[in-house]
């Protein structure tokens, strides 16, 4: 899914909910940080960290890549 850095966490969650045809509250998220650890993505500050990680990993390029793991939240 292509995103712009200006998207909010709420908008991102809405897009995921539509893509997976489920409630955003039922989706658990994690992303890989710069050190290779998986970090829970639960709110706007986590989302900003994820976007910043993608920028850092792009090494000055116009586009960054961010892998996000989705799971059912129980």
Protein backbone atom coordinates (compact mmCIF):
# COMPACT_ATOMS: atom_id res chain seq x y z
CA UNK A 1 0.00 0.00 0.00
CA UNK A 2 1.48 3.34 -0.99
CA UNK A 3 1.21 6.15 1.57
CA UNK A 4 2.33 9.73 1.85
CA UNK A 5 4.08 10.89 5.02
CA UNK A 6 1.27 13.38 5.65
CA UNK A 7 -1.31 10.65 6.33
CA UNK A 8 -2.47 10.41 9.93
CA UNK A 9 -2.54 7.21 11.95
CA UNK A 10 -6.34 7.30 11.96
CA UNK A 11 -6.47 7.57 8.15
CA UNK A 12 -3.94 4.74 7.87
CA UNK A 13 -6.05 2.52 10.13
CA UNK A 14 -9.16 3.34 8.10
CA UNK A 15 -7.35 2.26 4.90
CA UNK A 16 -6.25 -1.00 6.54
CA UNK A 17 -9.76 -1.69 7.82
CA UNK A 18 -11.16 -1.23 4.31
CA UNK A 19 -8.40 -3.35 2.75
CA UNK A 20 -8.96 -6.25 5.14
CA UNK A 21 -12.72 -5.71 5.47
CA UNK A 22 -12.68 -5.59 9.25
CA UNK A 23 -12.80 -3.15 12.14
CA UNK A 24 -9.61 -1.18 12.75
CA UNK A 25 -9.90 -2.16 16.43
CA UNK A 26 -9.43 -5.81 15.42
CA UNK A 27 -6.06 -5.24 13.70
CA UNK A 28 -2.77 -5.48 15.59
CA UNK A 29 0.30 -3.88 13.96
CA UNK A 30 4.07 -4.05 14.32
CA UNK A 31 6.91 -2.55 12.29
CA UNK A 32 10.63 -3.16 12.22
CA UNK A 33 12.76 -0.36 13.68
CA UNK A 34 16.27 0.63 12.64
CA UNK A 35 17.79 -1.92 15.03
CA UNK A 36 15.73 -4.78 13.60
CA UNK A 37 13.34 -5.05 16.55
CA UNK A 38 9.59 -5.29 16.05
CA UNK A 39 7.74 -2.34 17.57
CA UNK A 40 4.00 -2.22 18.27
CA UNK A 41 2.20 0.38 16.18
CA UNK A 42 -0.69 1.58 18.34
CA UNK A 43 -1.02 5.36 18.07
CA UNK A 44 0.02 8.54 16.27
CA UNK A 45 3.43 8.77 17.96
CA UNK A 46 4.25 5.15 17.02
CA UNK A 47 3.13 5.90 13.47
CA UNK A 48 5.37 8.99 13.29
CA UNK A 49 8.30 6.85 14.47
CA UNK A 50 7.50 4.31 11.74
CA UNK A 51 7.43 7.03 9.06
CA UNK A 52 10.72 8.45 10.36
CA UNK A 53 12.24 4.95 10.24
CA UNK A 54 11.20 4.65 6.58
CA UNK A 55 12.82 8.03 5.85
CA UNK A 56 16.04 7.02 7.56
CA UNK A 57 16.17 3.70 5.72
CA UNK A 58 15.68 5.43 2.36
CA UNK A 59 19.12 7.07 2.84
CA UNK A 60 18.04 10.38 1.34
CA UNK A 61 15.87 8.88 -1.39
CA UNK A 62 12.48 10.31 -2.25
CA UNK A 63 10.67 7.13 -1.22
CA UNK A 64 11.13 4.86 1.75
CA UNK A 65 9.92 1.36 2.43
CA UNK A 66 8.26 0.32 5.64
CA UNK A 67 7.15 -3.24 6.32
CA UNK A 68 4.22 -3.54 8.69
CA UNK A 69 3.01 -6.85 10.09
CA UNK A 70 -0.73 -7.14 10.65
CA UNK A 71 -2.42 -9.65 12.93
CA UNK A 72 -5.80 -10.27 14.48
CA UNK A 73 -6.04 -8.46 17.78
CA UNK A 74 -7.71 -10.67 20.37
